[in-house]
Amino acid sequence: MVSGQVSRTPYGDLPGFSRLFVDYVEGRSSAADYYARRFDEDSLLAFAPRTAAAKRADRSAVAEILVDQQSWWDHDAAALESARRLHDPEATVIVTGQQVGLFAGPLYTVLKALSTVLIARRLETLSGKPVVPIFWLGSEDHDFEEMASASVPGRTFTVPKPDVDNTGPVGALPFGPEIADLVEQLGESLPTTDFHAEVMAMVRTSYAPGNTFRDAFAQLLRRLLPETGLVLFAQDDPRVKRLAAPVWKREIENWEGADTALRATSERLADAYHAQVHIRPSNLFMIEDGQRLPLDVEDGRFHLRGTSLSWDRDELVARLEAKPESFSPNVVLRPLTQDWLFPTVAYVGGPGETAYFAQYQDVYAWAGIPMPAIVPRTSLTLIEPGIRRSLDRLGVPTTAFSGDPDALFSQLARERMEFDVEARFGRTIGEVNKLIAPLTPEVVRVDASLKKSVEATRAALQNEIMRLRDRVLKADRRNRDQLRQQVEKVAEGLFPNGRPQERVISPLYFATKYGPDFFVRLMEDLDTDTRSHLLIDL
């Protein structure tokens, strides 16, 4: 274990979570009805035998690919054994996935993986049947900017983009010599601890010149989560694409059916909540000359955007059968591909992913593939000891720091100000003047030469009061500066750049501070109830 205290906060009390997501995790039928099934344990157990028996890609072929792929990265006996278990006809899987971001992406990438392992273990215990946790490496995405940056407190690192508009699948891009410089900058920015050298050795071995985004990500993720049984899966394997071809062929032959199903659901969802995914007639990309380009449908033909290439249905089916490795699914077709390949009980997703699955129930029916349960990933904030001390001094809940820190500081400063210093001292000087003024004629009647002494006494008293006022103002400014520093420190620790910690900070920061095995130990503090946000004191 790594924590001293674990508490929960409803998603509705935090920013950045849509109403659809909040209603879904809270079990409201207005949202849950857009999904094929609930994500409680009873629903998962009931669905597992059905998905295990459903018609899909050749199970043995998929299992052999998984087993083979595990050797592409660091040897992990538990992952290899998990992959082999898919051969069992009663075995099912829990899947998650993520783009192959720099330095393993933000913290939530690891949280997805941990959630998947925990849910698989729990379902296996309850069912007595093999359940395999799989991490789908999103290596074919071509959004370079989204994968090329990573952050630790106070610093962001970015891989320079190649001088092209479309980089093609980012996962296949090799790092040049610039990655060594970024790794050294990372090392300089991570905390100096007893674990620094070990963590940086993991990073240097993974993120080396010549290695690709996909393989570097996979190697580092495996090193952060060793022997957990998590199976890494590369979608860009040509063998995978040949097995996935039947789903893509259905899309080519009947894209109208998929489009109609998606649009009908999306329109209803948009009226009730919001539609996360933009619908387009074709859900396929093609990889041509290193670029990943969408296929558009117009006048009965499929046109490769930005080129002069086009095909009718039969021609494109022939191209698919001859060269399936040149095709790639979009955000709609990727889950269908996943659940054609695997007997998926549940997909573990973030808030955005959970929202876009609400659009897919009818398109799963169109494809003839059972739709899995959609389980929200673990969502948490890690509270370091210094942040906890500041929180306790401030007496403010963590949720208060999710907004504008300047506004919070102003609010706290007003609440802590016992009186208006300038106004109160101004009134005091006025009262002193009022008290001395009647003395002047009395003193002068006794001795006219004492008039100057009266004035000097009044001025001396006023000066002393003003000096005291200045000291109070200085102390107030010091207190306000300390208050501002505390507010800014806590806000940056919990909501860096105004965003949740898990969406910004690299897991390497916590591995460096608390040990390379930090995330394996963190699993002891987690469970499979992901219906609320966790606050974990370190």
Protein backbone atom coordinates (compact mmCIF):
# COMPACT_ATOMS: atom_id res chain seq x y z
CA MET A 1 0.00 0.00 0.00
CA VAL A 2 1.07 3.60 -0.53
CA SER A 3 -1.64 5.60 1.19
CA GLY A 4 -2.43 6.93 4.62
CA GLN A 5 -6.03 7.75 3.83
CA VAL A 6 -8.45 7.16 0.96
CA SER A 7 -11.67 9.12 0.51
CA ARG A 8 -14.18 9.57 -2.30
CA THR A 9 -15.73 12.56 -4.04
CA PRO A 10 -18.73 12.40 -6.41
CA TYR A 11 -17.85 13.18 -10.01
CA GLY A 12 -20.59 15.78 -10.01
CA ASP A 13 -18.60 17.87 -7.51
CA LEU A 14 -15.62 18.13 -9.87
CA PRO A 15 -15.11 20.06 -13.11
CA GLY A 16 -14.51 18.41 -16.45
CA PHE A 17 -17.02 15.57 -16.16
CA SER A 18 -19.99 15.77 -18.51
CA ARG A 19 -23.57 15.43 -17.33
CA LEU A 20 -23.87 12.27 -19.45
CA PHE A 21 -20.88 10.69 -17.68
CA VAL A 22 -22.09 11.71 -14.22
CA ASP A 23 -25.59 10.37 -14.85
CA TYR A 24 -24.15 7.13 -16.25
CA VAL A 25 -21.89 6.35 -13.29
CA GLU A 26 -24.71 7.24 -10.89
CA GLY A 27 -26.96 4.73 -12.65
CA ARG A 28 -29.63 7.08 -13.96
CA SER A 29 -31.65 5.37 -16.66
CA SER A 30 -31.71 8.55 -18.74
CA ALA A 31 -28.03 7.87 -19.47
CA ALA A 32 -27.64 4.14 -18.80
CA ASP A 33 -30.26 3.22 -21.41
CA TYR A 34 -27.87 4.34 -24.15
CA TYR A 35 -25.57 1.45 -23.21
CA ALA A 36 -26.15 -2.23 -23.88
CA ARG A 37 -25.66 -3.28 -20.27
CA ARG A 38 -24.84 -2.01 -16.80
CA PHE A 39 -21.31 -2.29 -15.41
CA ASP A 40 -22.02 -3.82 -12.00
CA GLU A 41 -20.50 -7.21 -11.17
CA ASP A 42 -23.74 -9.14 -11.65
CA SER A 43 -24.10 -7.75 -15.18
CA LEU A 44 -20.51 -8.60 -16.05
CA LEU A 45 -20.87 -12.14 -14.75
CA ALA A 46 -24.10 -12.67 -16.67
CA PHE A 47 -22.60 -11.37 -19.93
CA ALA A 48 -19.29 -13.26 -19.79
CA PRO A 49 -20.56 -16.63 -21.08
CA ARG A 50 -22.42 -14.93 -23.94
CA THR A 51 -19.40 -13.03 -25.18
CA ALA A 52 -17.18 -16.09 -24.78
CA ALA A 53 -19.50 -18.07 -27.09
CA ALA A 54 -20.22 -15.33 -29.65
CA LYS A 55 -19.07 -15.66 -33.26
CA ARG A 56 -15.90 -13.68 -33.88
CA ALA A 57 -12.35 -13.94 -35.21
CA ASP A 58 -10.44 -17.19 -34.79
CA ARG A 59 -9.70 -17.34 -31.07
CA SER A 60 -6.59 -19.50 -31.42
CA ALA A 61 -5.12 -17.22 -34.08
CA VAL A 62 -5.73 -14.14 -31.90
CA ALA A 63 -4.23 -15.89 -28.87
CA GLU A 64 -1.11 -16.87 -30.83
CA ILE A 65 -0.65 -13.27 -31.98
CA LEU A 66 -0.96 -12.05 -28.39
CA VAL A 67 1.57 -14.59 -27.19
CA ASP A 68 3.99 -13.63 -29.95
CA GLN A 69 3.58 -9.89 -29.39
CA GLN A 70 4.52 -10.17 -25.70
CA SER A 71 8.06 -11.03 -26.82
CA TRP A 72 8.34 -7.74 -28.70
CA TRP A 73 8.91 -5.85 -25.46
CA ASP A 74 10.58 -6.71 -22.15
CA HIS A 75 10.02 -10.30 -21.05
CA ASP A 76 7.16 -10.53 -18.56
CA ALA A 77 6.21 -14.05 -17.50
CA ALA A 78 2.81 -13.01 -16.10
CA ALA A 79 1.84 -11.21 -19.33
CA LEU A 80 2.90 -14.19 -21.41
CA GLU A 81 0.86 -16.55 -19.25
CA SER A 82 -2.18 -14.22 -19.50
CA ALA A 83 -1.92 -14.20 -23.29
CA ARG A 84 -1.79 -18.01 -23.42
CA ARG A 85 -4.97 -18.28 -21.36
CA LEU A 86 -7.00 -16.80 -24.18
CA HIS A 87 -6.81 -20.22 -25.85
CA ASP A 88 -9.34 -21.45 -23.28
CA PRO A 89 -12.78 -21.36 -25.00
CA GLU A 90 -14.34 -20.03 -21.79
CA ALA A 91 -11.78 -17.23 -21.37
CA THR A 92 -12.94 -13.64 -21.70
CA VAL A 93 -11.12 -10.31 -21.65
CA ILE A 94 -11.26 -6.87 -20.06
CA VAL A 95 -9.85 -4.30 -22.47
CA THR A 96 -8.57 -0.77 -22.19
CA GLY A 97 -6.43 1.30 -24.51
CA GLN A 98 -4.68 4.58 -25.01
CA GLN A 99 -2.61 6.51 -27.50
CA VAL A 100 1.12 5.85 -27.17
CA GLY A 101 2.01 9.16 -25.53
CA LEU A 102 5.49 10.41 -24.69
CA PHE A 103 6.94 9.01 -21.44
CA ALA A 104 3.85 6.76 -20.99
CA GLY A 105 1.45 9.69 -21.29
CA PRO A 106 -0.33 11.31 -18.34
CA LEU A 107 -1.13 9.55 -15.08
CA TYR A 108 -4.53 8.31 -16.23
CA THR A 109 -2.83 5.96 -18.73
CA VAL A 110 -1.47 3.87 -15.87
CA LEU A 111 -4.77 4.18 -14.00
CA LYS A 112 -6.58 2.63 -16.98
CA ALA A 113 -4.16 -0.29 -16.93
CA LEU A 114 -4.51 -0.79 -13.17
CA SER A 115 -8.31 -0.71 -13.39
CA THR A 116 -8.26 -3.31 -16.15
CA VAL A 117 -6.06 -5.69 -14.17
CA LEU A 118 -8.14 -5.31 -11.00
CA ILE A 119 -11.46 -5.85 -12.79
CA ALA A 120 -10.10 -8.91 -14.59
CA ARG A 121 -8.85 -10.39 -11.32
CA ARG A 122 -12.15 -9.72 -9.57
CA LEU A 123 -14.26 -11.20 -12.36
CA GLU A 124 -12.03 -14.27 -12.55
CA THR A 125 -12.37 -14.80 -8.80
CA LEU A 126 -16.15 -14.54 -8.99
CA SER A 127 -16.63 -16.63 -12.13
CA GLY A 128 -13.88 -19.22 -11.81
CA LYS A 129 -13.15 -18.69 -15.53
CA PRO A 130 -10.02 -17.12 -17.08
CA VAL A 131 -10.24 -13.35 -17.59
CA VAL A 132 -7.40 -11.67 -19.48
CA PRO A 133 -6.56 -7.93 -19.02
CA ILE A 134 -5.54 -6.38 -22.35
CA PHE A 135 -4.10 -2.94 -23.10
CA TRP A 136 -4.75 -1.88 -26.71
CA LEU A 137 -1.83 0.27 -27.88
CA GLY A 138 -3.36 3.10 -29.90
CA SER A 139 -0.40 3.30 -32.24
CA GLU A 140 -2.22 4.16 -35.48
CA ASP A 141 -3.57 7.52 -34.40
CA HIS A 142 -2.07 10.32 -36.50
CA ASP A 143 -2.65 13.17 -34.01
CA PHE A 144 1.03 13.83 -33.37
CA GLU A 145 0.55 16.82 -31.04
CA GLU A 146 -1.64 14.80 -28.71
CA MET A 147 1.06 12.16 -28.19
CA ALA A 148 4.25 14.22 -28.40
CA SER A 149 4.17 15.97 -25.02
CA ALA A 150 4.55 15.01 -21.37
CA SER A 151 4.56 17.05 -18.17
CA VAL A 152 6.00 16.92 -14.68
CA PRO A 153 5.42 19.68 -12.11
CA GLY A 154 6.82 22.89 -13.54
CA ARG A 155 7.95 21.51 -16.90
CA THR A 156 6.56 20.21 -20.20
CA PHE A 157 8.56 18.25 -22.78
CA THR A 158 7.64 18.03 -26.46
CA VAL A 159 9.05 16.04 -29.34
CA PRO A 160 9.44 18.31 -32.41
CA LYS A 161 6.92 17.48 -35.12
CA PRO A 162 8.23 16.24 -38.46
CA ASP A 163 7.90 18.80 -41.23
CA VAL A 164 4.75 17.25 -42.72
CA ASP A 165 1.03 17.92 -42.30
CA ASN A 166 0.14 14.27 -41.77
CA THR A 167 2.71 12.21 -39.88
CA GLY A 168 0.84 8.97 -40.51
CA PRO A 169 0.49 6.51 -37.60
CA VAL A 170 2.47 8.10 -34.79
CA GLY A 171 3.27 4.78 -33.17
CA ALA A 172 5.49 3.81 -36.10
CA LEU A 173 7.59 6.98 -35.97
CA PRO A 174 11.16 6.40 -34.73
CA PHE A 175 12.78 8.85 -32.36
CA GLY A 176 15.77 10.80 -33.58
CA PRO A 177 18.71 12.05 -31.51
CA GLU A 178 16.47 14.76 -30.01
CA ILE A 179 14.88 12.17 -27.70
CA ALA A 180 18.14 11.81 -25.78
CA ASP A 181 18.08 15.54 -25.01
CA LEU A 182 14.46 15.34 -23.84
CA VAL A 183 15.29 12.40 -21.60
CA GLU A 184 18.14 14.36 -20.00
CA GLN A 185 15.85 17.37 -19.50
CA LEU A 186 13.33 15.05 -17.89
CA GLY A 187 16.01 13.73 -15.56
CA GLU A 188 16.94 17.26 -14.52
CA SER A 189 13.28 18.08 -13.81
CA LEU A 190 12.34 15.00 -11.79
CA PRO A 191 12.88 15.11 -8.02
CA THR A 192 16.26 14.07 -6.71
CA THR A 193 15.48 10.93 -4.71
CA ASP A 194 16.93 7.49 -4.01
CA PHE A 195 14.82 6.21 -6.91
CA HIS A 196 15.90 8.76 -9.51
CA ALA A 197 18.66 6.70 -11.09
CA GLU A 198 16.54 3.55 -11.37
CA VAL A 199 13.59 5.37 -12.94
CA MET A 200 15.80 7.23 -15.40
CA ALA A 201 17.47 3.96 -16.42
CA MET A 202 13.99 2.64 -17.29
CA VAL A 203 13.27 5.76 -19.32
CA ARG A 204 16.62 5.80 -21.16
CA THR A 205 16.29 2.16 -22.15
CA SER A 206 12.77 2.74 -23.50
CA TYR A 207 13.08 6.19 -25.07
CA ALA A 208 16.24 5.78 -27.10
CA PRO A 209 17.05 7.03 -30.61
CA GLY A 210 15.74 4.59 -33.21
CA ASN A 211 12.99 3.21 -30.99
CA THR A 212 9.41 4.00 -32.04
CA PHE A 213 6.66 5.80 -30.12
CA ARG A 214 4.78 2.49 -29.82
CA ASP A 215 7.62 0.34 -28.58
CA ALA A 216 9.02 2.95 -26.20
CA PHE A 217 5.57 3.41 -24.67
CA ALA A 218 5.00 -0.34 -24.37
CA GLN A 219 8.40 -0.96 -22.80
CA LEU A 220 8.01 1.79 -20.21
CA LEU A 221 4.44 0.79 -19.34
CA ARG A 222 5.59 -2.79 -18.81
CA ARG A 223 8.43 -1.59 -16.57
CA LEU A 224 6.03 0.49 -14.49
CA LEU A 225 3.59 -2.45 -14.13
CA PRO A 226 5.76 -5.59 -14.11
CA GLU A 227 4.27 -9.04 -13.50
CA THR A 228 0.69 -7.77 -13.16
CA GLY A 229 -0.51 -9.97 -16.00
CA LEU A 230 -1.36 -7.03 -18.23
CA VAL A 231 -1.20 -8.08 -21.90
CA LEU A 232 -0.05 -5.42 -24.37
CA PHE A 233 -1.63 -5.55 -27.82
CA ALA A 234 -0.36 -3.93 -31.03
CA GLN A 235 -3.19 -3.19 -33.44
CA ASP A 236 -0.84 -2.39 -36.33
CA ASP A 237 0.31 -6.02 -36.69
CA PRO A 238 -0.55 -7.15 -40.28
CA ARG A 239 -1.81 -10.48 -38.87
CA VAL A 240 -4.32 -8.56 -36.73
CA LYS A 241 -5.56 -6.63 -39.71
CA ARG A 242 -6.19 -9.76 -41.71
CA LEU A 243 -8.29 -11.14 -38.85
CA ALA A 244 -10.15 -7.81 -38.56
CA ALA A 245 -10.95 -7.63 -42.29
CA PRO A 246 -14.49 -9.11 -42.02
CA VAL A 247 -15.64 -6.17 -39.88
CA TRP A 248 -14.10 -3.69 -42.27
CA LYS A 249 -15.59 -5.51 -45.26
CA ARG A 250 -19.04 -5.12 -43.72
CA GLU A 251 -18.38 -1.40 -43.35
CA ILE A 252 -17.45 -1.10 -47.03
CA GLU A 253 -20.38 -3.14 -48.26
CA ASN A 254 -23.01 -1.54 -46.02
CA TRP A 255 -21.69 1.76 -44.76
CA GLU A 256 -25.23 3.16 -45.10
CA GLY A 257 -26.46 0.78 -42.39
CA ALA A 258 -23.73 1.83 -39.99
CA ASP A 259 -24.31 5.49 -40.77
CA THR A 260 -28.06 5.22 -40.20
CA ALA A 261 -27.58 3.41 -36.89
CA LEU A 262 -25.05 5.95 -35.65
CA ARG A 263 -27.04 8.99 -36.69
CA ALA A 264 -30.29 7.81 -35.15
CA THR A 265 -28.66 7.21 -31.76
CA SER A 266 -26.51 10.33 -31.94
CA GLU A 267 -29.47 12.60 -32.67
CA ARG A 268 -31.37 11.26 -29.66
CA LEU A 269 -28.28 11.60 -27.50
CA ALA A 270 -27.59 15.14 -28.67
CA ASP A 271 -31.11 16.17 -27.67
CA ALA A 272 -30.76 14.63 -24.21
CA TYR A 273 -27.06 15.25 -23.51
CA HIS A 274 -24.37 15.72 -26.15
CA ALA A 275 -22.89 13.65 -28.97
CA GLN A 276 -19.18 13.10 -28.38
CA VAL A 277 -18.25 11.67 -31.78
CA HIS A 278 -18.71 13.47 -35.10
CA ILE A 279 -20.43 11.10 -37.53
CA ARG A 280 -19.12 10.71 -41.07
CA PRO A 281 -20.28 8.30 -43.80
CA SER A 282 -17.20 6.07 -43.75
CA ASN A 283 -15.45 4.80 -40.65
CA LEU A 284 -12.28 3.65 -42.35
CA PHE A 285 -8.88 5.19 -42.94
CA MET A 286 -6.21 4.03 -45.34
CA ILE A 287 -2.47 4.24 -44.87
CA GLU A 288 -0.97 5.48 -48.13
CA ASP A 289 2.59 6.71 -48.64
CA GLY A 290 3.09 6.87 -44.88
CA GLN A 291 -0.01 9.00 -44.31
CA ARG A 292 -3.21 7.93 -42.54
CA LEU A 293 -6.05 9.40 -44.60
CA PRO A 294 -9.84 9.08 -44.24
CA LEU A 295 -12.01 7.45 -46.87
CA ASP A 296 -14.88 9.70 -47.91
CA VAL A 297 -18.02 8.48 -49.68
CA GLU A 298 -19.36 10.48 -52.58
CA ASP A 299 -21.40 9.49 -55.64
CA GLY A 300 -21.17 5.82 -54.78
CA ARG A 301 -17.38 5.79 -54.60
CA PHE A 302 -14.83 5.82 -51.79
CA HIS A 303 -12.39 8.70 -52.18
CA LEU A 304 -9.08 8.85 -50.32
CA ARG A 305 -9.08 12.39 -48.97
CA GLY A 306 -6.46 14.69 -50.44
CA THR A 307 -5.58 12.34 -53.28
CA SER A 308 -6.97 11.39 -56.69
CA LEU A 309 -7.51 7.77 -55.60
CA SER A 310 -11.02 6.34 -55.47
CA TRP A 311 -12.75 2.92 -55.60
CA ASP A 312 -16.24 1.54 -55.90
CA ARG A 313 -17.41 -1.01 -53.33
CA ASP A 314 -16.17 -4.09 -55.13
CA GLU A 315 -12.81 -2.51 -55.91
CA LEU A 316 -12.31 -1.46 -52.30
CA VAL A 317 -13.29 -4.90 -51.01
CA ALA A 318 -10.73 -6.40 -53.39
CA ARG A 319 -8.13 -3.95 -52.09
CA LEU A 320 -9.00 -4.92 -48.51
CA GLU A 321 -8.65 -8.62 -49.26
CA ALA A 322 -5.34 -8.11 -51.04
CA LYS A 323 -3.80 -5.63 -48.63
CA PRO A 324 -5.62 -5.40 -45.26
CA GLU A 325 -2.56 -3.86 -43.59
CA SER A 326 -3.23 -0.64 -45.50
CA PHE A 327 -6.58 -0.12 -43.71
CA SER A 328 -7.17 1.41 -40.30
CA PRO A 329 -10.40 1.86 -38.26
CA ASN A 330 -11.60 5.21 -36.94
CA VAL A 331 -13.00 5.96 -33.48
CA VAL A 332 -16.28 4.20 -34.34
CA LEU A 333 -14.90 1.11 -36.02
CA ARG A 334 -12.00 0.58 -33.59
CA PRO A 335 -14.23 -0.73 -30.74
CA LEU A 336 -16.10 -2.98 -33.17
CA THR A 337 -12.75 -4.31 -34.38
CA GLN A 338 -11.64 -4.87 -30.80
CA ASP A 339 -14.76 -6.83 -29.91
CA TRP A 340 -14.63 -8.89 -33.09
CA LEU A 341 -11.10 -9.94 -32.15
CA PHE A 342 -11.67 -10.46 -28.42
CA PRO A 343 -14.44 -11.95 -26.24
CA THR A 344 -14.75 -8.63 -24.43
CA VAL A 345 -16.79 -8.46 -21.23
CA ALA A 346 -15.97 -4.83 -20.52
CA TYR A 347 -14.05 -1.89 -21.90
CA VAL A 348 -12.41 0.34 -19.30
CA GLY A 349 -12.54 3.95 -20.46
CA GLY A 350 -12.14 7.52 -19.39
CA PRO A 351 -15.00 10.05 -19.21
CA GLY A 352 -14.74 10.98 -22.91
CA GLU A 353 -14.60 7.38 -24.07
CA THR A 354 -17.52 6.44 -21.84
CA ALA A 355 -19.51 9.24 -23.45
CA TYR A 356 -18.77 8.23 -27.03
CA PHE A 357 -19.78 4.62 -26.40
CA ALA A 358 -23.28 5.99 -25.72
CA GLN A 359 -23.57 6.50 -29.49
CA TYR A 360 -22.60 2.92 -30.39
CA GLN A 361 -25.30 0.55 -29.16
CA ASP A 362 -27.15 0.45 -32.49
CA VAL A 363 -23.99 0.17 -34.59
CA TYR A 364 -22.91 -2.85 -32.52
CA ALA A 365 -26.28 -4.41 -33.39
CA TRP A 366 -25.68 -3.53 -37.06
CA ALA A 367 -22.32 -5.33 -36.91
CA GLY A 368 -23.76 -8.36 -35.13
CA ILE A 369 -21.22 -8.04 -32.30
CA PRO A 370 -22.27 -8.09 -28.62
CA MET A 371 -21.52 -4.70 -27.08
CA PRO A 372 -19.46 -5.00 -23.88
CA ALA A 373 -20.11 -3.19 -20.65
CA ILE A 374 -18.40 0.20 -20.41
CA VAL A 375 -16.66 0.58 -17.06
CA PRO A 376 -15.25 3.95 -15.99
CA ARG A 377 -11.55 3.75 -15.18
CA THR A 378 -10.21 4.57 -11.75
CA SER A 379 -10.06 8.34 -11.34
CA LEU A 380 -7.98 9.77 -8.52
CA THR A 381 -5.94 12.60 -7.10
CA LEU A 382 -2.72 11.77 -5.27
CA ILE A 383 -2.20 14.12 -2.31
CA GLU A 384 1.43 14.46 -1.29
CA PRO A 385 2.33 15.15 2.37
CA GLY A 386 3.23 18.81 1.78
CA ILE A 387 -0.04 19.41 -0.04
CA ARG A 388 -1.96 17.71 2.76
CA ARG A 389 -0.33 19.96 5.38
CA SER A 390 -1.29 23.04 3.37
CA LEU A 391 -4.83 21.74 2.92
CA ASP A 392 -5.16 21.20 6.66
CA ARG A 393 -3.82 24.70 7.42
CA LEU A 394 -6.17 26.27 4.92
CA GLY A 395 -9.15 24.21 6.06
CA VAL A 396 -10.49 24.04 2.51
CA PRO A 397 -11.71 20.90 0.67
CA THR A 398 -9.75 19.70 -2.35
CA THR A 399 -12.67 20.43 -4.68
CA ALA A 400 -12.32 24.16 -3.90
CA PHE A 401 -9.04 24.22 -5.86
CA SER A 402 -10.62 23.08 -9.12
CA GLY A 403 -11.53 26.63 -10.10
CA ASP A 404 -9.60 29.90 -10.38
CA PRO A 405 -6.87 29.97 -7.68
CA ASP A 406 -6.86 33.81 -7.69
CA ALA A 407 -10.57 33.87 -6.91
CA LEU A 408 -10.08 31.31 -4.15
CA PHE A 409 -7.23 33.35 -2.67
CA SER A 410 -9.36 36.51 -2.67
CA GLN A 411 -12.19 34.66 -0.98
CA LEU A 412 -9.92 33.21 1.70
CA ALA A 413 -8.16 36.54 2.23
CA ARG A 414 -11.50 38.26 2.82
CA GLU A 415 -12.60 35.55 5.22
CA ARG A 416 -9.36 35.80 7.20
CA MET A 417 -9.23 39.61 7.38
CA GLU A 418 -10.36 40.54 10.91
CA PHE A 419 -10.63 44.27 10.21
CA ASP A 420 -9.90 46.93 7.60
CA VAL A 421 -6.45 48.13 8.71
CA GLU A 422 -6.44 51.48 6.88
CA ALA A 423 -9.95 52.41 7.96
CA ARG A 424 -9.54 51.31 11.58
CA PHE A 425 -6.24 53.17 12.10
CA GLY A 426 -7.63 56.20 10.32
CA ARG A 427 -10.51 56.28 12.79
CA THR A 428 -8.08 55.85 15.69
CA ILE A 429 -6.00 58.87 14.61
CA GLY A 430 -9.18 60.90 14.32
CA GLU A 431 -10.20 59.87 17.83
CA VAL A 432 -6.77 60.85 19.21
CA ASN A 433 -7.07 64.26 17.56
CA LYS A 434 -10.53 64.67 19.07
CA LEU A 435 -9.19 63.84 22.52
CA ILE A 436 -6.24 66.25 22.32
CA ALA A 437 -8.10 69.14 20.71
CA PRO A 438 -10.00 70.14 23.94
CA LEU A 439 -6.74 70.02 25.93
CA THR A 440 -5.08 72.76 23.89
CA PRO A 441 -7.00 75.82 25.28
CA GLU A 442 -6.81 74.45 28.82
CA VAL A 443 -3.03 73.99 28.61
CA VAL A 444 -2.55 77.41 26.98
CA ARG A 445 -4.50 79.13 29.81
CA VAL A 446 -2.04 77.61 32.26
CA ASP A 447 1.05 78.43 30.18
CA ALA A 448 0.90 79.74 26.60
CA SER A 449 4.40 78.44 25.89
CA LEU A 450 3.14 74.85 26.19
CA LYS A 451 1.02 75.10 23.03
CA LYS A 452 3.91 73.72 20.94
CA SER A 453 4.33 70.85 23.39
CA VAL A 454 0.68 69.90 22.96
CA GLU A 455 1.10 69.88 19.17
CA ALA A 456 4.31 67.88 19.45
CA THR A 457 2.56 65.32 21.68
CA ARG A 458 -0.32 65.03 19.21
CA ALA A 459 2.11 64.57 16.30
CA ALA A 460 4.17 62.00 18.24
CA LEU A 461 1.07 59.97 19.10
CA GLN A 462 -0.09 60.12 15.48
CA ASN A 463 3.34 59.02 14.23
CA GLU A 464 3.45 56.09 16.66
CA ILE A 465 -0.01 55.01 15.55
CA MET A 466 1.06 55.31 11.91
CA ARG A 467 4.19 53.23 12.60
CA LEU A 468 2.05 50.59 14.28
CA ARG A 469 -0.30 50.69 11.28
CA ASP A 470 2.64 50.13 8.92
CA ARG A 471 3.80 47.16 10.97
CA VAL A 472 0.30 45.68 10.90
CA LEU A 473 0.03 46.27 7.15
CA LYS A 474 3.41 44.60 6.62
CA ALA A 475 2.35 41.60 8.68
CA ASP A 476 -0.94 41.45 6.77
CA ARG A 477 0.91 41.51 3.45
CA ARG A 478 3.20 38.75 4.71
CA ASN A 479 0.23 36.68 5.78
CA ARG A 480 -1.49 37.31 2.46
CA ASP A 481 1.67 36.36 0.55
CA GLN A 482 1.91 33.14 2.57
CA LEU A 483 -1.77 32.49 1.94
CA ARG A 484 -1.34 33.08 -1.80
CA GLN A 485 1.69 30.80 -1.91
CA GLN A 486 -0.22 28.06 -0.11
CA VAL A 487 -3.22 28.38 -2.40
CA GLU A 488 -1.03 28.35 -5.51
CA LYS A 489 0.99 25.39 -4.21
CA VAL A 490 -2.10 23.30 -3.52
CA ALA A 491 -3.82 24.31 -6.76
CA GLU A 492 -0.74 23.38 -8.81
CA GLY A 493 -0.39 20.09 -6.97
CA LEU A 494 -4.03 19.03 -7.36
CA PHE A 495 -5.08 20.85 -10.54
CA PRO A 496 -1.94 21.79 -12.53
CA ASN A 497 -2.73 24.40 -15.16
CA GLY A 498 -6.33 24.26 -13.96
CA ARG A 499 -6.77 20.62 -15.04
CA PRO A 500 -7.10 17.46 -12.96
CA GLN A 501 -3.74 16.09 -11.88
CA GLU A 502 -4.36 12.71 -13.57
CA ARG A 503 -4.75 14.38 -16.97
CA VAL A 504 -1.48 16.31 -16.82
CA ILE A 505 1.29 14.84 -14.67
CA SER A 506 3.45 11.97 -15.93
CA PRO A 507 3.45 8.80 -13.81
CA LEU A 508 7.25 9.09 -13.82
CA TYR A 509 7.04 11.93 -11.31
CA PHE A 510 5.40 9.67 -8.71
CA ALA A 511 7.62 6.69 -9.57
CA THR A 512 10.67 8.88 -8.93
CA LYS A 513 9.37 10.19 -5.60
CA TYR A 514 7.90 6.98 -4.22
CA GLY A 515 9.66 4.14 -6.03
CA PRO A 516 9.50 2.34 -9.39
CA ASP A 517 7.06 -0.15 -7.84
CA PHE A 518 4.75 2.67 -6.72
CA PHE A 519 1.91 1.77 -9.09
CA VAL A 520 2.02 -1.93 -8.31
CA ARG A 521 1.73 -1.04 -4.61
CA LEU A 522 -1.00 1.49 -5.40
CA MET A 523 -3.20 -1.38 -6.61
CA GLU A 524 -3.61 -2.42 -2.96
CA ASP A 525 -5.38 0.89 -2.28
CA LEU A 526 -7.77 0.50 -5.21
CA ASP A 527 -10.84 -1.62 -5.83
CA THR A 528 -13.21 -2.16 -8.73
CA ASP A 529 -15.75 0.45 -7.57
CA THR A 530 -15.02 3.32 -9.97
CA ARG A 531 -18.27 5.26 -9.49
CA SER A 532 -16.56 8.17 -7.74
CA HIS A 533 -13.25 10.04 -7.71
CA LEU A 534 -10.64 8.92 -5.18
CA LEU A 535 -8.51 11.20 -3.00
CA ILE A 536 -5.43 9.28 -1.85
CA ASP A 537 -3.02 10.65 0.74
CA LEU A 538 0.58 9.52 0.23
